[in-house]
Amino acid sequence: MIGLNEELAARHAAGDPVKIGLIGAGQMGVDIVAQVAMMKGIDIVAVADIDKARARTAFATGLLRGQTVEAKDAASADAAVAAGQRVFTDDFRVVTAMKRVDVMLEATGVPEVGARAALLAARHGQQLAMMNVETDITVGPLLWWYAQRKGVLYALAAGDEPAACKELYDFAEALGFTIVAAGKGKNNPLDRHAKPTDEAWAKEAARRGLNPNMLIEFVDGSKTMIEMAAVSNATGLQPDVRGMHGPRTSRDKLHETFALKEHGGVLNRAGVVEYGIGGVHPGVFLVVTTSHPRLRQALVYRDMGNGPYYTLFRPYHLCSIEVPLTCAMLAIRRKSNMFPLNRLVSEVFAVAKQALRPGDRLDGIGGCSFYSLIDTFEAATAENLLPVGLAKGAVLKASVKQDQPIRYDDVQLHEPSTVLTLRRLQDAWMAGRVSEQELLRSMEAV
């Protein structure tokens, strides 16, 4: 990010701000609007939300000045932006087809919307900034591949824990450290069976001004699994055990907790993704080591401890507030701060939150039907486990006990579904069953 302030100032001086089309005007989306209102050289020219009133008021709530108008199609939206107006709509396809949008910023958290929006935006030459980690862990490798074929970039947005972890990872890898663990802090108490319909959690959500499902996806651990899977899929780091260890620890004990077992820690091996409960949130961390004797001595002199493990700690992650920086990097530098590898390293799958019976329909992440766990992609594939990004709307064909992983064979998946179609293509591509030429033809038909 070094020097990006100067580049944004230059765009401001030239009267040519980076133009963002925002999809999703929930809490995070409105925070982004507010942050952009305080910045130079970047602007949000269009907001789409399924709730049109929410899309319209996002500009006012975020104090982003200017006349706002509704647009029913991309042509009228572009004309409005050319006339100095801002656009709101309840159809995200209006935004993804606009010529006067440099960066499509997806902030819904809904895998189906994220997949469709990314496809359409890439086809129209827009850079792809994704706050939608749920889409990324499901079909991110394929979307990154497709974006490249369309001459645009794909990036997970700065500020959320995955990108903050990746920032530390890049720093440590560039310096030649051995990375033992990358992780985040979890602040909410872990309750796998928490439901948005529980009276206590519903009251807590209201107190915080949150959608109950958003709160529950943090409380039941699903969001932590999803976020660390994104880190895994971008770096190659893997979960050490199913669901990760998630021990109680503190910032000053991270290098002791996330050490190998023979050195008093919890880990069976190095090179893992993890999370800690206790005094770590809102920070993210890396635990690293080095075999170089001179560097170990130098780290002692720099107050990093006696080793052999050392903590690199970022004490904050400004979710949504840092996101515009990713949009600026994409548009100005043509550089992505975080994207997945060309394969899934980890999978996040659905586990029954309560006993499920044939005919039951799965609700979404943070709902009443399931919670999420992470494991390696190979392990999840061997057991035929259902990715959480495909779970919503699936209907049970067989009974599943509480705390039992849900398998593909247990459900009838919801169709038609863009994210499901892309996932099937991605699985075939990763398994070598389809050539890149065939893959591109198939994706153009989606």
Protein backbone atom coordinates (compact mmCIF):
# COMPACT_ATOMS: atom_id res chain seq x y z
CA MET A 1 0.00 0.00 0.00
CA ILE A 2 3.05 2.28 0.23
CA GLY A 3 2.60 5.35 -1.97
CA LEU A 4 -1.05 4.66 -2.73
CA ASN A 5 -2.04 7.90 -1.02
CA GLU A 6 0.03 9.85 -3.54
CA GLU A 7 -1.46 7.96 -6.47
CA LEU A 8 -4.97 8.63 -5.20
CA ALA A 9 -4.12 12.31 -4.74
CA ALA A 10 -2.95 12.42 -8.36
CA ARG A 11 -6.22 10.87 -9.55
CA HIS A 12 -8.10 13.48 -7.50
CA ALA A 13 -6.07 16.32 -8.99
CA ALA A 14 -6.72 14.99 -12.49
CA GLY A 15 -10.46 14.79 -11.83
CA ASP A 16 -10.38 11.10 -12.65
CA PRO A 17 -11.29 9.17 -9.50
CA VAL A 18 -11.39 5.38 -9.36
CA LYS A 19 -15.07 4.55 -9.84
CA ILE A 20 -16.59 1.78 -7.73
CA GLY A 21 -19.84 -0.06 -8.31
CA LEU A 22 -20.93 -1.49 -4.95
CA ILE A 23 -23.14 -4.57 -4.69
CA GLY A 24 -24.63 -5.02 -1.24
CA ALA A 25 -25.66 -2.11 1.00
CA GLY A 26 -25.71 -3.87 4.34
CA GLN A 27 -23.67 -2.81 7.34
CA MET A 28 -20.34 -3.43 5.62
CA GLY A 29 -21.42 -1.82 2.37
CA VAL A 30 -22.56 1.39 4.04
CA ASP A 31 -19.29 1.52 6.00
CA ILE A 32 -17.45 1.43 2.68
CA VAL A 33 -19.53 4.32 1.36
CA ALA A 34 -18.70 6.30 4.50
CA GLN A 35 -14.98 5.61 4.16
CA VAL A 36 -14.89 6.60 0.50
CA ALA A 37 -16.55 9.87 1.47
CA MET A 38 -13.39 10.72 3.42
CA MET A 39 -10.92 9.80 0.67
CA LYS A 40 -9.44 11.47 -2.38
CA GLY A 41 -9.23 10.02 -5.86
CA ILE A 42 -11.87 7.33 -5.40
CA ASP A 43 -15.65 7.39 -5.61
CA ILE A 44 -18.70 5.12 -5.40
CA VAL A 45 -20.86 5.90 -8.39
CA ALA A 46 -23.41 3.09 -8.11
CA VAL A 47 -24.94 0.98 -5.34
CA ALA A 48 -27.09 -2.10 -5.86
CA ASP A 49 -29.05 -3.93 -3.19
CA ILE A 50 -32.02 -6.27 -3.27
CA ASP A 51 -33.67 -3.69 -0.99
CA LYS A 52 -33.87 -0.64 -3.25
CA ALA A 53 -34.52 1.72 -0.35
CA ARG A 54 -31.34 0.53 1.34
CA ALA A 55 -29.37 1.11 -1.84
CA ARG A 56 -30.80 4.63 -2.12
CA THR A 57 -30.10 5.63 1.48
CA ALA A 58 -26.56 4.20 1.51
CA PHE A 59 -25.20 7.40 -0.04
CA ALA A 60 -26.89 9.65 2.52
CA THR A 61 -25.98 7.46 5.48
CA GLY A 62 -22.39 7.39 4.30
CA LEU A 63 -22.43 11.18 3.77
CA LEU A 64 -21.36 10.80 0.15
CA ARG A 65 -22.74 13.97 -1.44
CA GLY A 66 -24.37 14.35 -4.80
CA GLN A 67 -27.69 13.80 -6.54
CA THR A 68 -28.86 10.19 -6.63
CA VAL A 69 -31.11 8.64 -9.24
CA GLU A 70 -32.55 5.20 -9.82
CA ALA A 71 -31.36 3.29 -12.88
CA LYS A 72 -33.15 0.40 -14.53
CA ASP A 73 -30.37 -0.48 -16.97
CA ALA A 74 -26.66 0.04 -17.49
CA ALA A 75 -27.05 2.61 -20.27
CA SER A 76 -29.13 4.97 -18.13
CA ALA A 77 -26.80 4.37 -15.18
CA ASP A 78 -23.75 5.32 -17.28
CA ALA A 79 -25.55 8.41 -18.56
CA ALA A 80 -26.36 9.47 -15.01
CA VAL A 81 -22.76 9.02 -13.86
CA ALA A 82 -21.54 10.99 -16.89
CA ALA A 83 -23.87 13.79 -15.77
CA GLY A 84 -22.32 13.80 -12.29
CA GLN A 85 -25.06 11.82 -10.56
CA ARG A 86 -24.92 8.70 -8.42
CA VAL A 87 -26.98 5.62 -9.17
CA PHE A 88 -28.94 3.19 -7.04
CA THR A 89 -30.72 0.03 -8.17
CA ASP A 90 -32.18 -3.23 -6.90
CA ASP A 91 -30.61 -5.19 -9.77
CA PHE A 92 -26.89 -5.92 -9.44
CA ARG A 93 -26.73 -6.68 -13.16
CA VAL A 94 -27.13 -2.96 -13.83
CA VAL A 95 -23.86 -2.31 -11.99
CA THR A 96 -21.91 -5.20 -13.52
CA ALA A 97 -22.76 -4.01 -17.05
CA MET A 98 -21.77 -0.37 -16.53
CA LYS A 99 -18.95 1.10 -18.62
CA ARG A 100 -18.31 3.89 -16.11
CA VAL A 101 -17.42 1.49 -13.30
CA ASP A 102 -13.74 0.61 -12.89
CA VAL A 103 -14.13 -1.83 -10.00
CA MET A 104 -17.05 -4.05 -9.05
CA LEU A 105 -17.06 -4.43 -5.26
CA GLU A 106 -19.14 -7.40 -4.08
CA ALA A 107 -20.22 -7.16 -0.44
CA THR A 108 -23.27 -9.40 -0.10
CA GLY A 109 -21.74 -12.54 1.44
CA VAL A 110 -24.13 -14.62 -0.66
CA PRO A 111 -22.27 -17.23 -2.79
CA GLU A 112 -24.83 -17.26 -5.58
CA VAL A 113 -24.86 -13.48 -5.99
CA GLY A 114 -21.09 -13.27 -5.68
CA ALA A 115 -20.52 -15.87 -8.39
CA ARG A 116 -22.97 -14.28 -10.82
CA ALA A 117 -21.73 -10.75 -10.20
CA ALA A 118 -18.08 -11.73 -10.66
CA LEU A 119 -18.79 -13.49 -13.95
CA LEU A 120 -20.77 -10.58 -15.38
CA ALA A 121 -18.37 -7.89 -14.17
CA ALA A 122 -15.37 -9.71 -15.65
CA ARG A 123 -17.15 -9.96 -19.00
CA HIS A 124 -17.69 -6.21 -18.99
CA GLY A 125 -14.07 -5.41 -18.18
CA GLN A 126 -14.52 -4.42 -14.54
CA GLN A 127 -11.90 -5.31 -11.94
CA LEU A 128 -13.24 -7.68 -9.26
CA ALA A 129 -12.95 -6.75 -5.57
CA MET A 130 -14.56 -9.39 -3.38
CA MET A 131 -15.63 -8.97 0.22
CA ASN A 132 -17.62 -12.12 -0.42
CA VAL A 133 -15.32 -14.70 1.17
CA GLU A 134 -18.11 -17.28 0.96
CA THR A 135 -17.93 -17.18 -2.83
CA ASP A 136 -14.15 -17.23 -2.76
CA ILE A 137 -13.84 -20.47 -0.78
CA THR A 138 -16.34 -22.15 -3.10
CA VAL A 139 -15.30 -21.10 -6.60
CA GLY A 140 -12.53 -18.55 -6.08
CA PRO A 141 -9.83 -20.39 -8.08
CA LEU A 142 -12.10 -20.58 -11.10
CA LEU A 143 -13.19 -16.94 -10.87
CA TRP A 144 -9.54 -15.83 -10.62
CA TRP A 145 -8.70 -17.94 -13.68
CA TYR A 146 -11.68 -16.56 -15.63
CA ALA A 147 -10.86 -12.96 -14.70
CA GLN A 148 -7.38 -13.38 -16.12
CA ARG A 149 -8.85 -14.66 -19.40
CA LYS A 150 -10.99 -11.52 -19.54
CA GLY A 151 -8.04 -9.22 -18.92
CA VAL A 152 -9.09 -8.16 -15.43
CA LEU A 153 -8.02 -8.99 -11.88
CA TYR A 154 -9.70 -10.65 -8.92
CA ALA A 155 -8.91 -9.65 -5.33
CA LEU A 156 -10.13 -10.42 -1.85
CA ALA A 157 -10.63 -7.05 -0.21
CA ALA A 158 -8.20 -5.53 2.26
CA GLY A 159 -9.25 -5.08 5.88
CA ASP A 160 -10.89 -8.42 6.54
CA GLU A 161 -8.85 -11.01 8.42
CA PRO A 162 -7.88 -13.06 5.34
CA ALA A 163 -6.23 -10.14 3.56
CA ALA A 164 -4.66 -8.90 6.80
CA CYS A 165 -3.18 -12.37 7.34
CA LYS A 166 -1.95 -12.44 3.75
CA GLU A 167 -0.21 -9.11 4.30
CA LEU A 168 1.81 -10.65 7.14
CA TYR A 169 2.36 -13.83 5.14
CA ASP A 170 3.83 -11.92 2.19
CA PHE A 171 6.12 -9.99 4.52
CA ALA A 172 7.39 -13.14 6.25
CA GLU A 173 7.76 -15.17 3.07
CA ALA A 174 9.68 -12.37 1.36
CA LEU A 175 12.14 -12.34 4.27
CA GLY A 176 12.65 -16.10 4.10
CA PHE A 177 11.07 -17.00 7.43
CA THR A 178 9.57 -20.47 7.88
CA ILE A 179 5.87 -19.94 8.49
CA VAL A 180 4.55 -22.12 11.29
CA ALA A 181 1.02 -20.78 11.61
CA ALA A 182 -1.17 -17.98 10.30
CA GLY A 183 -4.27 -17.07 12.21
CA LYS A 184 -6.80 -14.69 13.66
CA GLY A 185 -8.41 -13.98 16.99
CA LYS A 186 -12.02 -14.92 17.71
CA ASN A 187 -13.88 -12.66 20.11
CA ASN A 188 -17.35 -14.22 20.38
CA PRO A 189 -17.81 -17.27 22.61
CA LEU A 190 -17.92 -20.42 20.48
CA ASP A 191 -21.37 -22.02 20.42
CA ARG A 192 -21.69 -24.46 17.53
CA HIS A 193 -25.44 -24.85 18.04
CA ALA A 194 -26.34 -21.17 18.32
CA LYS A 195 -29.33 -20.14 16.19
CA PRO A 196 -30.62 -16.74 15.09
CA THR A 197 -33.99 -17.71 16.55
CA ASP A 198 -32.55 -18.13 20.06
CA GLU A 199 -33.99 -15.33 22.20
CA ALA A 200 -30.68 -14.39 23.81
CA TRP A 201 -28.79 -14.21 20.52
CA ALA A 202 -31.64 -12.32 18.82
CA LYS A 203 -31.48 -9.70 21.59
CA GLU A 204 -27.70 -9.49 21.29
CA ALA A 205 -27.96 -8.99 17.53
CA ALA A 206 -30.50 -6.19 18.06
CA ARG A 207 -28.22 -4.56 20.64
CA ARG A 208 -25.33 -4.54 18.16
CA GLY A 209 -27.50 -3.47 15.23
CA LEU A 210 -26.70 -6.69 13.36
CA ASN A 211 -28.69 -9.10 11.28
CA PRO A 212 -29.10 -12.15 13.60
CA ASN A 213 -27.70 -14.50 10.95
CA MET A 214 -24.57 -12.35 10.64
CA LEU A 215 -24.00 -12.57 14.38
CA ILE A 216 -24.58 -16.32 14.46
CA GLU A 217 -22.11 -17.08 11.67
CA PHE A 218 -19.46 -15.60 13.95
CA VAL A 219 -20.72 -17.24 17.14
CA ASP A 220 -21.05 -20.76 15.71
CA GLY A 221 -17.56 -20.55 14.23
CA SER A 222 -18.58 -20.66 10.58
CA LYS A 223 -17.06 -17.30 9.68
CA THR A 224 -13.73 -18.23 11.26
CA MET A 225 -13.63 -21.46 9.24
CA ILE A 226 -14.47 -19.57 6.05
CA GLU A 227 -11.93 -16.81 6.62
CA MET A 228 -9.08 -19.16 7.40
CA ALA A 229 -9.97 -21.34 4.40
CA ALA A 230 -9.51 -18.24 2.24
CA VAL A 231 -6.04 -17.80 3.75
CA SER A 232 -5.31 -21.48 3.16
CA ASN A 233 -6.42 -21.36 -0.46
CA ALA A 234 -4.28 -18.27 -1.14
CA THR A 235 -1.11 -19.52 0.55
CA GLY A 236 -1.10 -23.33 0.62
CA LEU A 237 -1.19 -23.44 4.43
CA GLN A 238 -3.50 -26.18 5.71
CA PRO A 239 -5.59 -26.85 8.82
CA ASP A 240 -3.65 -29.02 11.25
CA VAL A 241 -6.81 -30.86 12.37
CA ARG A 242 -10.44 -30.75 11.33
CA GLY A 243 -11.92 -27.49 12.57
CA MET A 244 -8.46 -26.24 13.64
CA HIS A 245 -7.39 -26.26 17.31
CA GLY A 246 -8.75 -22.87 18.39
CA PRO A 247 -7.09 -22.80 21.82
CA ARG A 248 -7.50 -20.09 24.41
CA THR A 249 -4.41 -17.90 24.31
CA SER A 250 -3.24 -14.30 24.28
CA ARG A 251 -1.16 -12.06 22.06
CA ASP A 252 1.96 -12.55 24.17
CA LYS A 253 1.57 -16.36 24.19
CA LEU A 254 0.92 -16.94 20.49
CA HIS A 255 4.45 -18.17 19.76
CA GLU A 256 4.17 -20.62 22.65
CA THR A 257 0.66 -21.84 21.85
CA PHE A 258 1.14 -22.30 18.11
CA ALA A 259 4.38 -24.22 18.39
CA LEU A 260 4.99 -27.87 17.61
CA LYS A 261 3.93 -30.33 20.30
CA GLU A 262 7.52 -31.33 20.99
CA HIS A 263 8.15 -27.70 21.90
CA GLY A 264 5.10 -27.41 24.18
CA GLY A 265 2.56 -26.14 21.63
CA VAL A 266 -0.61 -27.58 20.10
CA LEU A 267 0.57 -28.21 16.54
CA ASN A 268 1.35 -31.53 14.92
CA ARG A 269 3.17 -29.82 12.06
CA ALA A 270 4.18 -26.44 10.72
CA GLY A 271 2.52 -24.56 7.86
CA VAL A 272 -1.04 -24.35 9.19
CA VAL A 273 -3.99 -21.99 9.52
CA GLU A 274 -5.39 -21.45 13.00
CA TYR A 275 -7.36 -19.21 15.33
CA GLY A 276 -7.12 -18.29 18.99
CA ILE A 277 -9.81 -17.52 21.52
CA GLY A 278 -9.10 -14.86 24.13
CA GLY A 279 -6.86 -11.84 23.98
CA VAL A 280 -6.05 -11.94 20.27
CA HIS A 281 -9.03 -10.28 18.57
CA PRO A 282 -9.16 -7.98 16.61
CA GLY A 283 -5.65 -8.86 15.57
CA VAL A 284 -4.22 -11.36 13.12
CA PHE A 285 -0.90 -13.13 13.50
CA LEU A 286 1.86 -15.22 12.04
CA VAL A 287 4.10 -17.50 14.06
CA VAL A 288 7.43 -17.95 12.28
CA THR A 289 10.82 -19.49 12.84
CA THR A 290 14.27 -19.45 11.27
CA SER A 291 17.15 -21.91 11.32
CA HIS A 292 19.80 -19.22 10.83
CA PRO A 293 21.85 -18.82 14.05
CA ARG A 294 22.82 -15.21 13.33
CA LEU A 295 19.21 -14.22 12.69
CA ARG A 296 18.08 -15.88 15.91
CA GLN A 297 20.60 -13.75 17.75
CA ALA A 298 19.46 -10.65 15.85
CA LEU A 299 15.83 -11.33 16.78
CA VAL A 300 16.80 -11.44 20.45
CA TYR A 301 18.35 -8.00 20.06
CA ARG A 302 15.12 -6.78 18.48
CA ASP A 303 13.05 -7.89 21.46
CA MET A 304 11.36 -10.75 19.58
CA GLY A 305 12.24 -13.32 22.25
CA ASN A 306 14.65 -16.23 22.47
CA GLY A 307 12.89 -18.38 19.89
CA PRO A 308 12.72 -20.75 18.23
CA TYR A 309 9.24 -19.29 17.50
CA TYR A 310 8.43 -15.61 16.95
CA THR A 311 5.14 -13.77 16.69
CA LEU A 312 4.32 -11.26 13.97
CA PHE A 313 1.16 -9.48 15.07
CA ARG A 314 -1.13 -6.97 13.39
CA PRO A 315 -3.28 -5.61 16.23
CA TYR A 316 -6.23 -4.56 14.06
CA HIS A 317 -8.18 -5.38 10.95
CA LEU A 318 -10.41 -2.59 9.72
CA CYS A 319 -13.03 -4.64 7.94
CA SER A 320 -14.81 -2.59 5.24
CA ILE A 321 -12.80 0.54 6.13
CA GLU A 322 -9.67 -0.68 4.31
CA VAL A 323 -11.58 -2.09 1.34
CA PRO A 324 -11.27 1.01 -0.91
CA LEU A 325 -7.49 0.51 -0.92
CA THR A 326 -7.95 -2.78 -2.75
CA CYS A 327 -10.16 -1.03 -5.30
CA ALA A 328 -7.45 1.60 -5.78
CA MET A 329 -4.73 -1.01 -6.24
CA LEU A 330 -6.78 -2.85 -8.83
CA ALA A 331 -7.60 0.25 -10.85
CA ILE A 332 -4.36 2.22 -10.54
CA ARG A 333 -1.62 -0.37 -10.16
CA ARG A 334 -3.39 -3.28 -11.84
CA LYS A 335 -2.36 -5.41 -8.88
CA SER A 336 -4.32 -7.79 -6.65
CA ASN A 337 -3.46 -7.90 -2.95
CA MET A 338 -4.90 -11.41 -2.48
CA PHE A 339 -6.21 -14.15 -4.73
CA PRO A 340 -6.54 -17.93 -4.49
CA LEU A 341 -4.15 -20.48 -5.91
CA ASN A 342 -5.25 -22.50 -8.94
CA ARG A 343 -6.78 -25.11 -6.65
CA LEU A 344 -8.61 -25.46 -3.36
CA VAL A 345 -6.29 -26.33 -0.51
CA SER A 346 -9.02 -26.36 2.14
CA GLU A 347 -12.76 -26.97 2.10
CA VAL A 348 -15.40 -25.66 4.48
CA PHE A 349 -18.30 -28.09 4.79
CA ALA A 350 -21.71 -28.18 6.47
CA VAL A 351 -22.30 -29.99 9.77
CA ALA A 352 -25.82 -30.55 11.13
CA LYS A 353 -26.62 -28.03 13.88
CA GLN A 354 -29.59 -30.13 14.89
CA ALA A 355 -30.99 -33.51 13.85
CA LEU A 356 -32.16 -33.22 10.23
CA ARG A 357 -34.80 -35.34 8.53
CA PRO A 358 -35.71 -36.07 4.90
CA GLY A 359 -37.56 -33.11 3.45
CA ASP A 360 -35.83 -30.51 5.62
CA ARG A 361 -34.44 -27.58 3.64
CA LEU A 362 -31.06 -26.16 4.61
CA ASP A 363 -30.98 -22.46 5.34
CA GLY A 364 -27.90 -20.30 4.93
CA ILE A 365 -24.64 -19.81 6.80
CA GLY A 366 -25.44 -18.47 10.26
CA GLY A 367 -28.85 -20.11 10.24
CA CYS A 368 -30.54 -22.93 12.14
CA SER A 369 -29.60 -25.94 9.98
CA PHE A 370 -25.84 -26.23 9.99
CA TYR A 371 -22.54 -24.87 11.17
CA SER A 372 -19.23 -25.08 9.33
CA LEU A 373 -15.90 -26.83 9.77
CA ILE A 374 -12.68 -26.67 7.79
CA ASP A 375 -10.53 -29.56 6.62
CA THR A 376 -8.18 -30.21 3.74
CA PHE A 377 -9.81 -30.36 0.34
CA GLU A 378 -8.56 -33.93 -0.10
CA ALA A 379 -10.13 -35.09 3.17
CA ALA A 380 -13.46 -33.39 2.44
CA THR A 381 -13.53 -34.80 -1.09
CA ALA A 382 -12.76 -38.33 0.14
CA GLU A 383 -15.77 -38.14 2.46
CA ASN A 384 -17.98 -36.45 -0.17
CA LEU A 385 -18.75 -33.57 2.20
CA LEU A 386 -21.09 -30.74 1.19
CA PRO A 387 -19.37 -27.33 0.79
CA VAL A 388 -21.13 -24.60 2.75
CA GLY A 389 -21.22 -22.43 -0.35
CA LEU A 390 -23.61 -24.91 -1.97
CA ALA A 391 -25.70 -25.76 1.08
CA LYS A 392 -28.40 -23.07 1.05
CA GLY A 393 -31.67 -24.38 -0.36
CA ALA A 394 -30.56 -28.02 -0.48
CA VAL A 395 -33.25 -30.51 0.62
CA LEU A 396 -32.41 -33.50 2.81
CA LYS A 397 -32.87 -36.93 1.24
CA ALA A 398 -31.59 -38.78 4.31
CA SER A 399 -31.52 -38.23 8.06
CA VAL A 400 -28.41 -36.60 9.49
CA LYS A 401 -27.64 -36.63 13.20
CA GLN A 402 -26.67 -33.52 15.13
CA ASP A 403 -22.95 -32.72 14.72
CA GLN A 404 -22.67 -35.11 11.77
CA PRO A 405 -21.14 -33.74 8.55
CA ILE A 406 -23.62 -33.45 5.69
CA ARG A 407 -22.62 -35.27 2.51
CA TYR A 408 -23.55 -34.59 -1.09
CA ASP A 409 -25.43 -37.90 -1.03
CA ASP A 410 -27.61 -36.68 1.85
CA VAL A 411 -29.17 -33.80 -0.11
CA GLN A 412 -30.81 -32.74 -3.32
CA LEU A 413 -28.99 -29.56 -4.30
CA HIS A 414 -30.84 -26.39 -5.22
CA GLU A 415 -30.88 -25.86 -8.98
CA PRO A 416 -30.56 -23.93 -11.20
CA SER A 417 -27.60 -22.30 -9.50
CA THR A 418 -24.69 -20.39 -10.99
CA VAL A 419 -22.38 -21.15 -8.07
CA LEU A 420 -23.22 -24.87 -8.32
CA THR A 421 -22.53 -24.89 -12.06
CA LEU A 422 -19.21 -23.13 -11.52
CA ARG A 423 -18.29 -25.49 -8.70
CA ARG A 424 -18.87 -28.51 -10.92
CA LEU A 425 -16.71 -26.94 -13.61
CA GLN A 426 -14.03 -26.10 -11.06
CA ASP A 427 -14.02 -29.66 -9.70
CA ALA A 428 -13.63 -31.04 -13.23
CA TRP A 429 -10.84 -28.56 -13.97
CA MET A 430 -8.97 -29.34 -10.76
CA ALA A 431 -9.28 -33.07 -11.45
CA GLY A 432 -7.92 -32.64 -14.99
CA ARG A 433 -11.15 -33.82 -16.62
CA VAL A 434 -11.57 -30.71 -18.77
CA SER A 435 -9.13 -28.68 -20.86
CA GLU A 436 -8.81 -24.93 -20.40
CA GLN A 437 -10.35 -24.38 -23.84
CA GLU A 438 -13.36 -26.49 -22.89
CA LEU A 439 -13.54 -24.78 -19.52
CA LEU A 440 -13.63 -21.32 -21.07
CA ARG A 441 -16.36 -22.33 -23.51
CA SER A 442 -18.42 -23.77 -20.68
CA MET A 443 -18.02 -20.69 -18.54
CA GLU A 444 -19.05 -18.38 -21.36
CA ALA A 445 -22.28 -20.34 -21.53
CA VAL A 446 -23.09 -19.90 -17.82
